[in-house]
PDB file of N, CA and C in Angstrom:
ATOM      1  N   MET A   1      40.522  -2.055 -43.997  1.00  0.00           N
ATOM      2  CA  MET A   1      39.343  -1.759 -44.716  1.00  0.00           C
ATOM      3  C   MET A   1      38.487  -2.711 -45.221  1.00  0.00           C
ATOM      4  N   ARG A   2      37.167  -2.894 -44.689  1.00  0.00           N
ATOM      5  CA  ARG A   2      36.709  -3.713 -45.739  1.00  0.00           C
ATOM      6  C   ARG A   2      35.813  -3.313 -46.801  1.00  0.00           C
ATOM      7  N   ALA A   3      36.271  -4.351 -48.068  1.00  0.00           N
ATOM      8  CA  ALA A   3      35.124  -4.310 -49.051  1.00  0.00           C
ATOM      9  C   ALA A   3      33.997  -4.178 -49.320  1.00  0.00           C
ATOM     10  N   MET A   4      33.485  -2.900 -49.968  1.00  0.00           N
ATOM     11  CA  MET A   4      32.280  -2.550 -50.363  1.00  0.00           C
ATOM     12  C   MET A   4      31.442  -3.828 -51.288  1.00  0.00           C
ATOM     13  N   PRO A   5      30.593  -4.170 -50.475  1.00  0.00           N
ATOM     14  CA  PRO A   5      29.873  -5.230 -51.203  1.00  0.00           C
ATOM     15  C   PRO A   5      29.282  -4.612 -52.872  1.00  0.00           C
ATOM     16  N   LEU A   6      29.339  -5.570 -53.895  1.00  0.00           N
ATOM     17  CA  LEU A   6      29.006  -5.337 -55.248  1.00  0.00           C
ATOM     18  C   LEU A   6      27.972  -6.153 -55.400  1.00  0.00           C
ATOM     19  N   PRO A   7      26.463  -5.826 -55.166  1.00  0.00           N
ATOM     20  CA  PRO A   7      25.445  -7.057 -55.217  1.00  0.00           C
ATOM     21  C   PRO A   7      25.016  -7.245 -56.802  1.00  0.00           C
ATOM     22  N   GLU A   8      25.330  -6.176 -57.590  1.00  0.00           N
ATOM     23  CA  GLU A   8      24.478  -6.371 -59.399  1.00  0.00           C
ATOM     24  C   GLU A   8      25.447  -7.214 -60.148  1.00  0.00           C
ATOM     25  N   ARG A   9      24.924  -8.235 -60.903  1.00  0.00           N
ATOM     26  CA  ARG A   9      25.494  -9.024 -61.732  1.00  0.00           C
ATOM     27  C   ARG A   9      25.690  -8.456 -63.124  1.00  0.00           C
ATOM     28  N   VAL A  10      26.933  -7.724 -63.805  1.00  0.00           N
ATOM     29  CA  VAL A  10      26.860  -7.185 -65.400  1.00  0.00           C
ATOM     30  C   VAL A  10      27.775  -8.269 -66.257  1.00  0.00           C
ATOM     31  N   ALA A  11      27.535  -7.846 -67.438  1.00  0.00           N
ATOM     32  CA  ALA A  11      28.342  -8.139 -68.421  1.00  0.00           C
ATOM     33  C   ALA A  11      28.912  -7.013 -69.435  1.00  0.00           C
ATOM     34  N   PHE A  12      30.408  -7.313 -69.582  1.00  0.00           N
ATOM     35  CA  PHE A  12      30.898  -6.275 -70.636  1.00  0.00           C
ATOM     36  C   PHE A  12      31.108  -7.072 -72.302  1.00  0.00           C
ATOM     37  N   ASP A  13      30.504  -6.042 -72.875  1.00  0.00           N
ATOM     38  CA  ASP A  13      30.836  -6.515 -74.427  1.00  0.00           C
ATOM     39  C   ASP A  13      31.455  -5.606 -75.392  1.00  0.00           C
ATOM     40  N   GLU A  14      31.898  -6.118 -76.381  1.00  0.00           N
ATOM     41  CA  GLU A  14      32.701  -5.328 -77.301  1.00  0.00           C
ATOM     42  C   GLU A  14      31.947  -5.619 -78.561  1.00  0.00           C
ATOM     43  N   PRO A  15      32.114  -4.796 -79.456  1.00  0.00           N
ATOM     44  CA  PRO A  15      31.510  -4.486 -80.660  1.00  0.00           C
ATOM     45  C   PRO A  15      32.303  -5.861 -81.462  1.00  0.00           C
ATOM     46  N   ASN A  16      31.388  -6.527 -82.446  1.00  0.00           N
ATOM     47  CA  ASN A  16      31.501  -7.786 -83.051  1.00  0.00           C
ATOM     48  C   ASN A  16      31.266  -7.452 -84.579  1.00  0.00           C
ATOM     49  N   GLY A  17      32.274  -7.079 -85.545  1.00  0.00           N
ATOM     50  CA  GLY A  17      31.792  -7.037 -86.798  1.00  0.00           C
ATOM     51  C   GLY A  17      32.900  -6.178 -87.431  1.00  0.00           C
ATOM     52  N   ALA A  18      32.974  -6.140 -88.708  1.00  0.00           N
ATOM     53  CA  ALA A  18      33.877  -5.140 -89.711  1.00  0.00           C
ATOM     54  C   ALA A  18      33.522  -3.881 -89.734  1.00  0.00           C
ATOM     55  N   THR A  19      33.973  -3.259 -89.918  1.00  0.00           N
ATOM     56  CA  THR A  19      33.504  -1.888 -90.315  1.00  0.00           C
ATOM     57  C   THR A  19      33.155  -1.755 -91.851  1.00  0.00           C
ATOM     58  N   ASP A  20      31.737  -1.160 -91.928  1.00  0.00           N
ATOM     59  CA  ASP A  20      31.296  -0.993 -93.393  1.00  0.00           C
ATOM     60  C   ASP A  20      31.575  -0.075 -94.390  1.00  0.00           C
ATOM     61  N   ALA A  21      31.683   0.114 -95.695  1.00  0.00           N
ATOM     62  CA  ALA A  21      31.985   1.025 -96.538  1.00  0.00           C
ATOM     63  C   ALA A  21      31.959   2.858 -95.901  1.00  0.00           C
ATOM     64  N   PHE A  22      31.170   2.783 -95.023  1.00  0.00           N
ATOM     65  CA  PHE A  22      30.836   4.482 -94.315  1.00  0.00           C
ATOM     66  C   PHE A  22      31.896   4.750 -93.274  1.00  0.00           C
ATOM     67  N   GLY A  23      32.395   3.545 -92.801  1.00  0.00           N
ATOM     68  CA  GLY A  23      33.088   3.899 -91.549  1.00  0.00           C
ATOM     69  C   GLY A  23      32.441   3.335 -90.479  1.00  0.00           C
ATOM     70  N   GLY A  24      31.105   3.230 -90.449  1.00  0.00           N
ATOM     71  CA  GLY A  24      30.158   2.747 -89.449  1.00  0.00           C
ATOM     72  C   GLY A  24      30.418   1.028 -88.765  1.00  0.00           C
ATOM     73  N   THR A  25      30.160   0.839 -87.915  1.00  0.00           N
ATOM     74  CA  THR A  25      29.994  -0.776 -87.360  1.00  0.00           C
ATOM     75  C   THR A  25      28.750  -0.850 -87.251  1.00  0.00           C
ATOM     76  N   PRO A  26      28.698  -2.664 -87.233  1.00  0.00           N
ATOM     77  CA  PRO A  26      27.546  -2.996 -87.138  1.00  0.00           C
ATOM     78  C   PRO A  26      26.916  -3.355 -85.837  1.00  0.00           C
ATOM     79  N   GLU A  27      25.430  -3.160 -85.258  1.00  0.00           N
ATOM     80  CA  GLU A  27      25.119  -3.379 -84.005  1.00  0.00           C
ATOM     81  C   GLU A  27      25.116  -4.604 -83.455  1.00  0.00           C
ATOM     82  N   ALA A  28      26.337  -5.162 -83.548  1.00  0.00           N
ATOM     83  CA  ALA A  28      26.451  -6.766 -82.901  1.00  0.00           C
ATOM     84  C   ALA A  28      27.469  -6.997 -81.844  1.00  0.00           C
ATOM     85  N   TRP A  29      27.361  -7.520 -80.880  1.00  0.00           N
ATOM     86  CA  TRP A  29      28.238  -7.353 -79.710  1.00  0.00           C
ATOM     87  C   TRP A  29      28.262  -8.816 -79.376  1.00  0.00           C
ATOM     88  N   SER A  30      29.943  -9.140 -78.751  1.00  0.00           N
ATOM     89  CA  SER A  30      29.699 -10.274 -78.037  1.00  0.00           C
ATOM     90  C   SER A  30      30.336 -10.128 -77.131  1.00  0.00           C
ATOM     91  N   GLU A  31      29.862 -10.477 -75.751  1.00  0.00           N
ATOM     92  CA  GLU A  31      30.061 -10.629 -74.674  1.00  0.00           C
ATOM     93  C   GLU A  31      31.804 -11.014 -74.064  1.00  0.00           C
ATOM     94  N   VAL A  32      32.496 -10.030 -73.390  1.00  0.00           N
ATOM     95  CA  VAL A  32      33.902 -10.572 -73.090  1.00  0.00           C
ATOM     96  C   VAL A  32      34.053 -11.039 -71.818  1.00  0.00           C
ATOM     97  N   PHE A  33      32.974 -10.412 -70.802  1.00  0.00           N
ATOM     98  CA  PHE A  33      33.670 -11.310 -69.428  1.00  0.00           C
ATOM     99  C   PHE A  33      32.390 -10.818 -68.616  1.00  0.00           C
ATOM    100  N   ARG A  34      31.848 -11.149 -67.435  1.00  0.00           N
ATOM    101  CA  ARG A  34      30.905 -10.773 -66.317  1.00  0.00           C
ATOM    102  C   ARG A  34      31.921 -10.395 -65.244  1.00  0.00           C
ATOM    103  N   ASP A  35      30.798  -9.462 -64.447  1.00  0.00           N
ATOM    104  CA  ASP A  35      31.755  -9.155 -63.078  1.00  0.00           C
ATOM    105  C   ASP A  35      30.570  -8.806 -62.332  1.00  0.00           C
ATOM    106  N   ARG A  36      30.945  -8.235 -60.682  1.00  0.00           N
ATOM    107  CA  ARG A  36      29.852  -7.814 -60.020  1.00  0.00           C
ATOM    108  C   ARG A  36      30.203  -6.589 -60.062  1.00  0.00           C
ATOM    109  N   ALA A  37      28.995  -5.384 -59.562  1.00  0.00           N
ATOM    110  CA  ALA A  37      29.313  -3.921 -59.182  1.00  0.00           C
ATOM    111  C   ALA A  37      27.915  -3.372 -58.426  1.00  0.00           C
ATOM    112  N   ARG A  38      28.329  -2.324 -58.416  1.00  0.00           N
ATOM    113  CA  ARG A  38      27.483  -1.560 -57.622  1.00  0.00           C
ATOM    114  C   ARG A  38      27.298  -0.065 -58.368  1.00  0.00           C
ATOM    115  N   PHE A  39      25.951  -0.019 -58.531  1.00  0.00           N
ATOM    116  CA  PHE A  39      25.392   1.274 -59.229  1.00  0.00           C
ATOM    117  C   PHE A  39      25.463   2.431 -58.128  1.00  0.00           C
ATOM    118  N   LEU A  40      25.808   3.574 -58.552  1.00  0.00           N
ATOM    119  CA  LEU A  40      26.135   4.612 -57.439  1.00  0.00           C
ATOM    120  C   LEU A  40      25.141   5.807 -58.154  1.00  0.00           C
ATOM    121  N   TYR A  41      24.567   6.479 -57.253  1.00  0.00           N
ATOM    122  CA  TYR A  41      23.610   7.640 -57.543  1.00  0.00           C
ATOM    123  C   TYR A  41      24.455   9.066 -58.157  1.00  0.00           C
ATOM    124  N   ALA A  42      24.746   9.340 -59.188  1.00  0.00           N
ATOM    125  CA  ALA A  42      25.812  10.271 -59.449  1.00  0.00           C
ATOM    126  C   ALA A  42      25.138  11.472 -59.776  1.00  0.00           C
ATOM    127  N   LYS A  43      24.898  12.804 -58.861  1.00  0.00           N
ATOM    128  CA  LYS A  43      23.933  13.947 -59.211  1.00  0.00           C
ATOM    129  C   LYS A  43      24.388  14.972 -59.487  1.00  0.00           C
ATOM    130  N   GLY A  44      25.895  15.321 -59.233  1.00  0.00           N
ATOM    131  CA  GLY A  44      26.211  16.620 -59.764  1.00  0.00           C
ATOM    132  C   GLY A  44      27.177  16.657 -61.094  1.00  0.00           C
ATOM    133  N   ASP A  45      27.604  15.634 -61.623  1.00  0.00           N
ATOM    134  CA  ASP A  45      28.456  15.396 -62.875  1.00  0.00           C
ATOM    135  C   ASP A  45      28.054  16.270 -64.374  1.00  0.00           C
ATOM    136  N   GLU A  46      28.614  16.976 -64.608  1.00  0.00           N
ATOM    137  CA  GLU A  46      28.023  17.856 -65.780  1.00  0.00           C
ATOM    138  C   GLU A  46      27.484  16.687 -66.883  1.00  0.00           C
ATOM    139  N   ALA A  47      28.286  15.690 -67.065  1.00  0.00           N
ATOM    140  CA  ALA A  47      27.898  14.430 -68.190  1.00  0.00           C
ATOM    141  C   ALA A  47      26.785  13.868 -67.673  1.00  0.00           C
ATOM    142  N   VAL A  48      26.712  13.527 -66.651  1.00  0.00           N
ATOM    143  CA  VAL A  48      25.290  13.090 -65.963  1.00  0.00           C
ATOM    144  C   VAL A  48      23.997  13.959 -66.262  1.00  0.00           C
ATOM    145  N   GLN A  49      24.343  15.053 -65.755  1.00  0.00           N
ATOM    146  CA  GLN A  49      23.085  15.994 -65.598  1.00  0.00           C
ATOM    147  C   GLN A  49      22.688  16.390 -67.467  1.00  0.00           C
ATOM    148  N   ALA A  50      23.536  16.284 -68.458  1.00  0.00           N
ATOM    149  CA  ALA A  50      23.371  16.262 -69.538  1.00  0.00           C
ATOM    150  C   ALA A  50      22.649  15.323 -70.217  1.00  0.00           C
ATOM    151  N   ALA A  51      22.707  14.209 -69.771  1.00  0.00           N
ATOM    152  CA  ALA A  51      22.058  12.849 -70.092  1.00  0.00           C
ATOM    153  C   ALA A  51      20.762  12.940 -69.485  1.00  0.00           C
ATOM    154  N   ARG A  52      20.595  13.503 -68.134  1.00  0.00           N
ATOM    155  CA  ARG A  52      19.336  13.318 -67.938  1.00  0.00           C
ATOM    156  C   ARG A  52      18.710  14.447 -68.279  1.00  0.00           C
ATOM    157  N   ASN A  53      19.348  15.717 -68.618  1.00  0.00           N
ATOM    158  CA  ASN A  53      17.945  16.829 -69.539  1.00  0.00           C
ATOM    159  C   ASN A  53      17.948  16.329 -71.029  1.00  0.00           C
ATOM    160  N   ALA A  54      18.340  15.215 -71.296  1.00  0.00           N
ATOM    161  CA  ALA A  54      18.221  14.438 -72.820  1.00  0.00           C
ATOM    162  C   ALA A  54      17.245  13.567 -72.438  1.00  0.00           C
ATOM    163  N   GLY A  55      16.810  13.327 -71.438  1.00  0.00           N
ATOM    164  CA  GLY A  55      15.789  12.181 -71.186  1.00  0.00           C
ATOM    165  C   GLY A  55      16.765  10.938 -71.086  1.00  0.00           C
ATOM    166  N   ARG A  56      18.016  10.582 -70.825  1.00  0.00           N
ATOM    167  CA  ARG A  56      18.598   9.281 -70.688  1.00  0.00           C
ATOM    168  C   ARG A  56      18.873   9.344 -69.142  1.00  0.00           C
ATOM    169  N   TYR A  57      19.063   7.968 -68.560  1.00  0.00           N
ATOM    170  CA  TYR A  57      19.503   7.791 -67.776  1.00  0.00           C
ATOM    171  C   TYR A  57      21.150   7.701 -67.374  1.00  0.00           C
ATOM    172  N   ALA A  58      21.681   7.912 -66.486  1.00  0.00           N
ATOM    173  CA  ALA A  58      23.092   7.930 -66.442  1.00  0.00           C
ATOM    174  C   ALA A  58      23.522   7.949 -64.636  1.00  0.00           C
ATOM    175  N   PHE A  59      24.340   6.856 -64.381  1.00  0.00           N
ATOM    176  CA  PHE A  59      24.928   6.070 -63.291  1.00  0.00           C
ATOM    177  C   PHE A  59      26.502   6.025 -63.488  1.00  0.00           C
ATOM    178  N   LYS A  60      26.955   6.320 -62.291  1.00  0.00           N
ATOM    179  CA  LYS A  60      28.365   5.951 -61.822  1.00  0.00           C
ATOM    180  C   LYS A  60      28.224   4.460 -61.477  1.00  0.00           C
ATOM    181  N   VAL A  61      29.191   3.569 -61.799  1.00  0.00           N
ATOM    182  CA  VAL A  61      29.083   2.151 -61.442  1.00  0.00           C
ATOM    183  C   VAL A  61      30.589   1.821 -60.935  1.00  0.00           C
ATOM    184  N   GLN A  62      30.469   1.292 -60.013  1.00  0.00           N
ATOM    185  CA  GLN A  62      31.564   0.567 -59.303  1.00  0.00           C
ATOM    186  C   GLN A  62      32.429  -0.687 -59.760  1.00  0.00           C
ATOM    187  N   VAL A  63      33.107  -1.206 -60.095  1.00  0.00           N
ATOM    188  CA  VAL A  63      33.719  -2.613 -60.228  1.00  0.00           C
ATOM    189  C   VAL A  63      34.852  -2.678 -59.685  1.00  0.00           C
ATOM    190  N   ARG A  64      35.318  -3.744 -59.252  1.00  0.00           N
ATOM    191  CA  ARG A  64      36.747  -4.232 -58.639  1.00  0.00           C
ATOM    192  C   ARG A  64      37.783  -3.961 -59.809  1.00  0.00           C
ATOM    193  N   ALA A  65      38.870  -3.613 -59.621  1.00  0.00           N
ATOM    194  CA  ALA A  65      39.785  -3.741 -60.508  1.00  0.00           C
ATOM    195  C   ALA A  65      40.537  -4.851 -60.984  1.00  0.00           C
ATOM    196  N   SER A  66      40.826  -4.994 -61.960  1.00  0.00           N
ATOM    197  CA  SER A  66      41.614  -6.336 -62.285  1.00  0.00           C
ATOM    198  C   SER A  66      41.926  -6.107 -63.933  1.00  0.00           C
ATOM    199  N   THR A  67      42.794  -6.722 -64.471  1.00  0.00           N
ATOM    200  CA  THR A  67      43.303  -6.715 -65.894  1.00  0.00           C
ATOM    201  C   THR A  67      42.037  -6.311 -66.806  1.00  0.00           C
ATOM    202  N   GLN A  68      40.801  -6.855 -66.531  1.00  0.00           N
ATOM    203  CA  GLN A  68      39.581  -7.047 -67.478  1.00  0.00           C
ATOM    204  C   GLN A  68      39.186  -5.553 -67.419  1.00  0.00           C
ATOM    205  N   THR A  69      38.854  -5.116 -66.068  1.00  0.00           N
ATOM    206  CA  THR A  69      38.327  -4.061 -65.954  1.00  0.00           C
ATOM    207  C   THR A  69      38.709  -2.675 -65.949  1.00  0.00           C
ATOM    208  N   GLN A  70      40.195  -3.117 -66.065  1.00  0.00           N
ATOM    209  CA  GLN A  70      41.230  -1.917 -66.277  1.00  0.00           C
ATOM    210  C   GLN A  70      41.401  -1.882 -68.046  1.00  0.00           C
ATOM    211  N   ALA A  71      41.170  -2.645 -68.795  1.00  0.00           N
ATOM    212  CA  ALA A  71      41.142  -2.607 -70.080  1.00  0.00           C
ATOM    213  C   ALA A  71      39.721  -1.881 -70.804  1.00  0.00           C
ATOM    214  N   LEU A  72      38.597  -1.919 -69.918  1.00  0.00           N
ATOM    215  CA  LEU A  72      37.794  -1.331 -70.667  1.00  0.00           C
ATOM    216  C   LEU A  72      37.854   0.224 -71.264  1.00  0.00           C
ATOM    217  N   SER A  73      36.525   0.577 -72.239  1.00  0.00           N
ATOM    218  CA  SER A  73      36.900   1.602 -72.726  1.00  0.00           C
ATOM    219  C   SER A  73      35.571   2.304 -73.038  1.00  0.00           C
ATOM    220  N   THR A  74      35.244   3.533 -73.565  1.00  0.00           N
ATOM    221  CA  THR A  74      34.452   3.954 -74.153  1.00  0.00           C
ATOM    222  C   THR A  74      33.978   2.984 -75.364  1.00  0.00           C
ATOM    223  N   GLY A  75      34.612   2.180 -75.898  1.00  0.00           N
ATOM    224  CA  GLY A  75      34.058   1.705 -77.094  1.00  0.00           C
ATOM    225  C   GLY A  75      33.383  -0.164 -76.496  1.00  0.00           C
ATOM    226  N   ASN A  76      33.712  -0.415 -75.184  1.00  0.00           N
ATOM    227  CA  ASN A  76      32.554  -1.128 -74.541  1.00  0.00           C
ATOM    228  C   ASN A  76      31.485  -0.604 -74.157  1.00  0.00           C
ATOM    229  N   ARG A  77      30.390  -2.086 -74.073  1.00  0.00           N
ATOM    230  CA  ARG A  77      29.208  -1.748 -73.249  1.00  0.00           C
ATOM    231  C   ARG A  77      29.474  -2.561 -72.186  1.00  0.00           C
ATOM    232  N   MET A  78      28.177  -1.974 -71.415  1.00  0.00           N
ATOM    233  CA  MET A  78      27.790  -2.776 -70.009  1.00  0.00           C
ATOM    234  C   MET A  78      26.332  -3.128 -70.396  1.00  0.00           C
ATOM    235  N   ARG A  79      26.018  -4.296 -69.664  1.00  0.00           N
ATOM    236  CA  ARG A  79      24.683  -4.866 -69.619  1.00  0.00           C
ATOM    237  C   ARG A  79      24.435  -4.915 -68.124  1.00  0.00           C
ATOM    238  N   ASP A  80      23.151  -4.789 -67.631  1.00  0.00           N
ATOM    239  CA  ASP A  80      22.891  -5.230 -66.393  1.00  0.00           C
ATOM    240  C   ASP A  80      21.946  -6.548 -66.523  1.00  0.00           C
ATOM    241  N   LEU A  81      22.417  -7.678 -65.700  1.00  0.00           N
ATOM    242  CA  LEU A  81      22.077  -8.805 -66.286  1.00  0.00           C
ATOM    243  C   LEU A  81      20.553  -9.024 -65.222  1.00  0.00           C
ATOM    244  N   ARG A  82      20.204  -8.121 -64.786  1.00  0.00           N
ATOM    245  CA  ARG A  82      18.794  -8.352 -63.991  1.00  0.00           C
ATOM    246  C   ARG A  82      17.722  -8.275 -65.159  1.00  0.00           C
ATOM    247  N   ASP A  83      18.121  -7.418 -66.066  1.00  0.00           N
ATOM    248  CA  ASP A  83      17.004  -6.959 -66.931  1.00  0.00           C
ATOM    249  C   ASP A  83      17.731  -6.986 -68.744  1.00  0.00           C
ATOM    250  N   ASN A  84      19.151  -7.306 -68.578  1.00  0.00           N
ATOM    251  CA  ASN A  84      19.725  -7.421 -69.855  1.00  0.00           C
ATOM    252  C   ASN A  84      19.422  -6.105 -70.609  1.00  0.00           C
ATOM    253  N   THR A  85      19.509  -5.004 -69.755  1.00  0.00           N
ATOM    254  CA  THR A  85      19.502  -3.607 -70.232  1.00  0.00           C
ATOM    255  C   THR A  85      21.295  -3.313 -70.681  1.00  0.00           C
ATOM    256  N   ALA A  86      21.360  -2.648 -72.046  1.00  0.00           N
ATOM    257  CA  ALA A  86      22.504  -2.321 -72.196  1.00  0.00           C
ATOM    258  C   ALA A  86      22.927  -0.839 -72.057  1.00  0.00           C
ATOM    259  N   TRP A  87      24.018  -0.488 -71.264  1.00  0.00           N
ATOM    260  CA  TRP A  87      24.560   0.840 -70.964  1.00  0.00           C
ATOM    261  C   TRP A  87      25.771   1.128 -71.932  1.00  0.00           C
ATOM    262  N   ASN A  88      25.530   2.437 -72.522  1.00  0.00           N
ATOM    263  CA  ASN A  88      27.015   2.694 -73.094  1.00  0.00           C
ATOM    264  C   ASN A  88      28.060   3.459 -71.850  1.00  0.00           C
ATOM    265  N   ILE A  89      28.932   3.213 -72.235  1.00  0.00           N
ATOM    266  CA  ILE A  89      30.313   3.558 -71.210  1.00  0.00           C
ATOM    267  C   ILE A  89      30.753   4.498 -71.475  1.00  0.00           C
ATOM    268  N   THR A  90      30.839   5.906 -71.137  1.00  0.00           N
ATOM    269  CA  THR A  90      30.813   7.153 -71.495  1.00  0.00           C
ATOM    270  C   THR A  90      32.171   7.659 -70.553  1.00  0.00           C
ATOM    271  N   GLU A  91      32.363   7.203 -69.424  1.00  0.00           N
ATOM    272  CA  GLU A  91      33.642   7.520 -68.866  1.00  0.00           C
ATOM    273  C   GLU A  91      34.528   6.070 -68.161  1.00  0.00           C
ATOM    274  N   VAL A  92      35.334   6.023 -68.105  1.00  0.00           N
ATOM    275  CA  VAL A  92      36.206   5.048 -67.552  1.00  0.00           C
ATOM    276  C   VAL A  92      37.362   5.584 -66.658  1.00  0.00           C
ATOM    277  N   ASP A  93      37.317   5.363 -65.043  1.00  0.00           N
ATOM    278  CA  ASP A  93      38.408   6.438 -64.519  1.00  0.00           C
ATOM    279  C   ASP A  93      38.881   5.048 -63.572  1.00  0.00           C
ATOM    280  N   HIS A  94      40.004   4.375 -63.551  1.00  0.00           N
ATOM    281  CA  HIS A  94      40.806   3.477 -63.000  1.00  0.00           C
ATOM    282  C   HIS A  94      42.076   4.015 -62.419  1.00  0.00           C
ATOM    283  N   ARG A  95      42.557   5.665 -62.923  1.00  0.00           N
ATOM    284  CA  ARG A  95      43.609   6.347 -62.673  1.00  0.00           C
ATOM    285  C   ARG A  95      44.089   7.298 -61.262  1.00  0.00           C
ATOM    286  N   SER A  96      42.443   7.568 -60.991  1.00  0.00           N
ATOM    287  CA  SER A  96      42.476   8.666 -59.859  1.00  0.00           C
ATOM    288  C   SER A  96      42.673   7.949 -58.468  1.00  0.00           C
ATOM    289  N   GLU A  97      43.086   8.942 -57.716  1.00  0.00           N
ATOM    290  CA  GLU A  97      43.505   8.583 -56.608  1.00  0.00           C
ATOM    291  C   GLU A  97      42.641   7.772 -55.615  1.00  0.00           C
ATOM    292  N   GLU A  98      41.270   8.048 -55.562  1.00  0.00           N
ATOM    293  CA  GLU A  98      40.121   6.998 -55.245  1.00  0.00           C
ATOM    294  C   GLU A  98      39.772   5.765 -55.632  1.00  0.00           C
ATOM    295  N   SER A  99      40.066   5.541 -57.127  1.00  0.00           N
ATOM    296  CA  SER A  99      40.026   4.756 -57.797  1.00  0.00           C
ATOM    297  C   SER A  99      41.232   3.386 -57.365  1.00  0.00           C
ATOM    298  N   ARG A 100      42.278   4.067 -57.190  1.00  0.00           N
ATOM    299  CA  ARG A 100      43.480   3.215 -56.813  1.00  0.00           C
ATOM    300  C   ARG A 100      43.361   2.815 -55.082  1.00  0.00           C
ATOM    301  N   ARG A 101      43.306   3.801 -54.495  1.00  0.00           N
ATOM    302  CA  ARG A 101      43.026   3.744 -52.993  1.00  0.00           C
ATOM    303  C   ARG A 101      41.903   2.232 -52.768  1.00  0.00           C
ATOM    304  N   ASN A 102      40.926   2.463 -53.360  1.00  0.00           N
ATOM    305  CA  ASN A 102      39.766   1.478 -52.992  1.00  0.00           C
ATOM    306  C   ASN A 102      39.806   0.013 -54.205  1.00  0.00           C
ATOM    307  N   HIS A 103      40.960   0.075 -55.155  1.00  0.00           N
ATOM    308  CA  HIS A 103      40.863  -1.003 -55.775  1.00  0.00           C
ATOM    309  C   HIS A 103      39.895  -1.155 -56.761  1.00  0.00           C
ATOM    310  N   THR A 104      39.413  -0.263 -57.028  1.00  0.00           N
ATOM    311  CA  THR A 104      38.184  -0.253 -58.144  1.00  0.00           C
ATOM    312  C   THR A 104      38.388   0.363 -59.444  1.00  0.00           C
ATOM    313  N   VAL A 105      37.584   0.492 -60.080  1.00  0.00           N
ATOM    314  CA  VAL A 105      37.453   0.849 -61.578  1.00  0.00           C
ATOM    315  C   VAL A 105      35.890   2.014 -61.555  1.00  0.00           C
ATOM    316  N   TYR A 106      36.170   3.095 -61.649  1.00  0.00           N
ATOM    317  CA  TYR A 106      34.470   3.458 -61.651  1.00  0.00           C
ATOM    318  C   TYR A 106      34.406   3.989 -63.004  1.00  0.00           C
ATOM    319  N   LEU A 107      32.901   3.628 -63.545  1.00  0.00           N
ATOM    320  CA  LEU A 107      32.407   3.996 -64.906  1.00  0.00           C
ATOM    321  C   LEU A 107      31.437   5.023 -64.855  1.00  0.00           C
ATOM    322  N   VAL A 108      31.277   5.513 -65.618  1.00  0.00           N
ATOM    323  CA  VAL A 108      30.048   6.493 -65.806  1.00  0.00           C
ATOM    324  C   VAL A 108      29.370   5.602 -67.123  1.00  0.00           C
ATOM    325  N   VAL A 109      27.724   5.375 -67.032  1.00  0.00           N
ATOM    326  CA  VAL A 109      27.451   4.840 -68.198  1.00  0.00           C
ATOM    327  C   VAL A 109      26.075   5.595 -68.346  1.00  0.00           C
ATOM    328  N   GLU A 110      25.478   5.388 -69.633  1.00  0.00           N
ATOM    329  CA  GLU A 110      24.283   6.143 -70.025  1.00  0.00           C
ATOM    330  C   GLU A 110      23.302   4.831 -70.451  1.00  0.00           C
ATOM    331  N   GLY A 111      22.200   5.137 -70.448  1.00  0.00           N
ATOM    332  CA  GLY A 111      21.240   4.120 -70.766  1.00  0.00           C
ATOM    333  C   GLY A 111      20.090   4.533 -71.670  1.00  0.00           C
ATOM    334  N   PRO A 112      19.226   3.565 -71.771  1.00  0.00           N
ATOM    335  CA  PRO A 112      17.936   3.833 -72.488  1.00  0.00           C
ATOM    336  C   PRO A 112      16.997   5.214 -72.050  1.00  0.00           C
ATOM    337  N   GLN A 113      16.056   5.617 -73.067  1.00  0.00           N
ATOM    338  CA  GLN A 113      15.849   6.796 -73.026  1.00  0.00           C
ATOM    339  C   GLN A 113      14.457   6.526 -71.625  1.00  0.00           C
ATOM    340  N   SER A 114      14.674   7.448 -70.879  1.00  0.00           N
ATOM    341  CA  SER A 114      13.467   7.244 -69.832  1.00  0.00           C
ATOM    342  C   SER A 114      12.206   8.189 -70.336  1.00  0.00           C
ATOM    343  N   SER A 115      11.364   7.030 -69.880  1.00  0.00           N
ATOM    344  CA  SER A 115       9.883   7.419 -69.877  1.00  0.00           C
ATOM    345  C   SER A 115       9.027   8.837 -69.281  1.00  0.00           C
TER     346      SER A 115
END
């Protein structure tokens, strides 16, 4: 089976900074690594529909499985390096049969408000 090409360049960031007195974290991020990705249109998922109803963009994103991508969590964010847009990671799937079979990690990401 041929691997599906991953045409987009993305970066993954983690929060950088200490917790403040109220338990919040500052809006500072540090890049952890860069990778290739494919943005997939996800139309039926409830979380994706809820994001769209709230006026936010939501996509399913495919990246190759590696120790770095398998360590991603909802505490990380993804940046599209074409325009440096930051996307919140809301779901990480590296355990489903499809993910294991294709040696990929699937992410659901939510982006900025749509206009």
